[in-house]
């Protein structure tokens, strides 16, 4: 079965984007949150816009059927 990026509503803090990315790449969610924070501070709000776009396009984990 192919991996699908979804928002993780069980481990979320705001929208579940960081938790979903951590699940997809199989890494620690704290690392993803820190990377988004650094991108927000250093990248002239790039982290904010990437987060918003992923939040808007990614499906919820409950909406994706499991096989």
C-alpha atoms as a PDB file:
ATOM      1  CA  UNK A   1       0.000   0.000   0.000  1.00  0.00           C
ATOM      2  CA  UNK A   2       1.313   3.446  -0.921  1.00  0.00           C
ATOM      3  CA  UNK A   3       1.989   6.032   1.740  1.00  0.00           C
ATOM      4  CA  UNK A   4      -0.471   8.904   1.860  1.00  0.00           C
ATOM      5  CA  UNK A   5       0.116  12.188   3.681  1.00  0.00           C
ATOM      6  CA  UNK A   6      -2.820  12.994   5.953  1.00  0.00           C
ATOM      7  CA  UNK A   7      -3.449  15.351   8.839  1.00  0.00           C
ATOM      8  CA  UNK A   8      -3.033  13.514  12.127  1.00  0.00           C
ATOM      9  CA  UNK A   9      -5.959  14.600  14.286  1.00  0.00           C
ATOM     10  CA  UNK A  10      -4.963  12.429  17.273  1.00  0.00           C
ATOM     11  CA  UNK A  11      -1.494  13.940  17.827  1.00  0.00           C
ATOM     12  CA  UNK A  12      -2.249  17.454  16.678  1.00  0.00           C
ATOM     13  CA  UNK A  13      -1.401  20.734  18.379  1.00  0.00           C
ATOM     14  CA  UNK A  14      -2.963  23.134  15.892  1.00  0.00           C
ATOM     15  CA  UNK A  15      -4.123  21.412  12.720  1.00  0.00           C
ATOM     16  CA  UNK A  16      -2.218  18.129  12.599  1.00  0.00           C
ATOM     17  CA  UNK A  17       0.147  19.102   9.791  1.00  0.00           C
ATOM     18  CA  UNK A  18       3.387  18.510  11.713  1.00  0.00           C
ATOM     19  CA  UNK A  19       2.112  15.252  13.188  1.00  0.00           C
ATOM     20  CA  UNK A  20       1.006  14.114   9.732  1.00  0.00           C
ATOM     21  CA  UNK A  21       4.402  14.920   8.239  1.00  0.00           C
ATOM     22  CA  UNK A  22       6.137  13.127  11.089  1.00  0.00           C
ATOM     23  CA  UNK A  23       4.001  10.039  10.486  1.00  0.00           C
ATOM     24  CA  UNK A  24       4.609  10.172   6.733  1.00  0.00           C
ATOM     25  CA  UNK A  25       8.412  10.467   7.043  1.00  0.00           C
ATOM     26  CA  UNK A  26       8.553   8.282  10.181  1.00  0.00           C
ATOM     27  CA  UNK A  27      10.401  10.869  12.281  1.00  0.00           C
ATOM     28  CA  UNK A  28       9.773  12.551  15.620  1.00  0.00           C
ATOM     29  CA  UNK A  29       6.985  15.132  15.576  1.00  0.00           C
ATOM     30  CA  UNK A  30       9.039  17.506  17.744  1.00  0.00           C
ATOM     31  CA  UNK A  31      11.688  17.694  15.037  1.00  0.00           C
ATOM     32  CA  UNK A  32       9.083  18.654  12.433  1.00  0.00           C
ATOM     33  CA  UNK A  33       7.616  21.320  14.736  1.00  0.00           C
ATOM     34  CA  UNK A  34      11.059  22.786  15.384  1.00  0.00           C
ATOM     35  CA  UNK A  35      11.822  22.839  11.649  1.00  0.00           C
ATOM     36  CA  UNK A  36       8.581  24.708  10.956  1.00  0.00           C
ATOM     37  CA  UNK A  37       9.386  27.183  13.717  1.00  0.00           C
ATOM     38  CA  UNK A  38      12.871  27.784  12.336  1.00  0.00           C
ATOM     39  CA  UNK A  39      11.445  28.218   8.824  1.00  0.00           C
ATOM     40  CA  UNK A  40       8.947  30.710  10.216  1.00  0.00           C
ATOM     41  CA  UNK A  41      11.620  32.771  11.958  1.00  0.00           C
ATOM     42  CA  UNK A  42      14.420  32.571   9.385  1.00  0.00           C
ATOM     43  CA  UNK A  43      12.573  32.205   6.101  1.00  0.00           C
ATOM     44  CA  UNK A  44      10.469  35.377   6.187  1.00  0.00           C
ATOM     45  CA  UNK A  45       7.250  33.518   7.037  1.00  0.00           C
ATOM     46  CA  UNK A  46       7.878  30.707   4.543  1.00  0.00           C
ATOM     47  CA  UNK A  47       7.109  28.146   7.247  1.00  0.00           C
ATOM     48  CA  UNK A  48       3.751  29.798   7.893  1.00  0.00           C
ATOM     49  CA  UNK A  49       2.669  29.664   4.244  1.00  0.00           C
ATOM     50  CA  UNK A  50       3.831  26.071   3.761  1.00  0.00           C
ATOM     51  CA  UNK A  51       1.879  25.090   6.882  1.00  0.00           C
ATOM     52  CA  UNK A  52      -1.280  26.872   5.654  1.00  0.00           C
ATOM     53  CA  UNK A  53      -1.079  25.265   2.203  1.00  0.00           C
ATOM     54  CA  UNK A  54      -0.567  21.784   3.649  1.00  0.00           C
ATOM     55  CA  UNK A  55      -3.445  22.360   6.065  1.00  0.00           C
ATOM     56  CA  UNK A  56      -5.706  23.363   3.177  1.00  0.00           C
ATOM     57  CA  UNK A  57      -4.816  20.526   0.802  1.00  0.00           C
ATOM     58  CA  UNK A  58      -4.167  17.503   2.998  1.00  0.00           C
ATOM     59  CA  UNK A  59      -7.074  15.208   3.850  1.00  0.00           C
ATOM     60  CA  UNK A  60      -7.923  14.237   7.413  1.00  0.00           C
ATOM     61  CA  UNK A  61      -6.731  10.800   8.499  1.00  0.00           C
ATOM     62  CA  UNK A  62     -10.353   9.785   9.139  1.00  0.00           C
ATOM     63  CA  UNK A  63     -11.315  10.604   5.530  1.00  0.00           C
ATOM     64  CA  UNK A  64      -8.764   8.239   3.947  1.00  0.00           C
ATOM     65  CA  UNK A  65      -9.924   4.610   3.822  1.00  0.00           C
ATOM     66  CA  UNK A  66      -7.568   1.974   5.195  1.00  0.00           C
ATOM     67  CA  UNK A  67      -7.202  -1.386   3.513  1.00  0.00           C
END
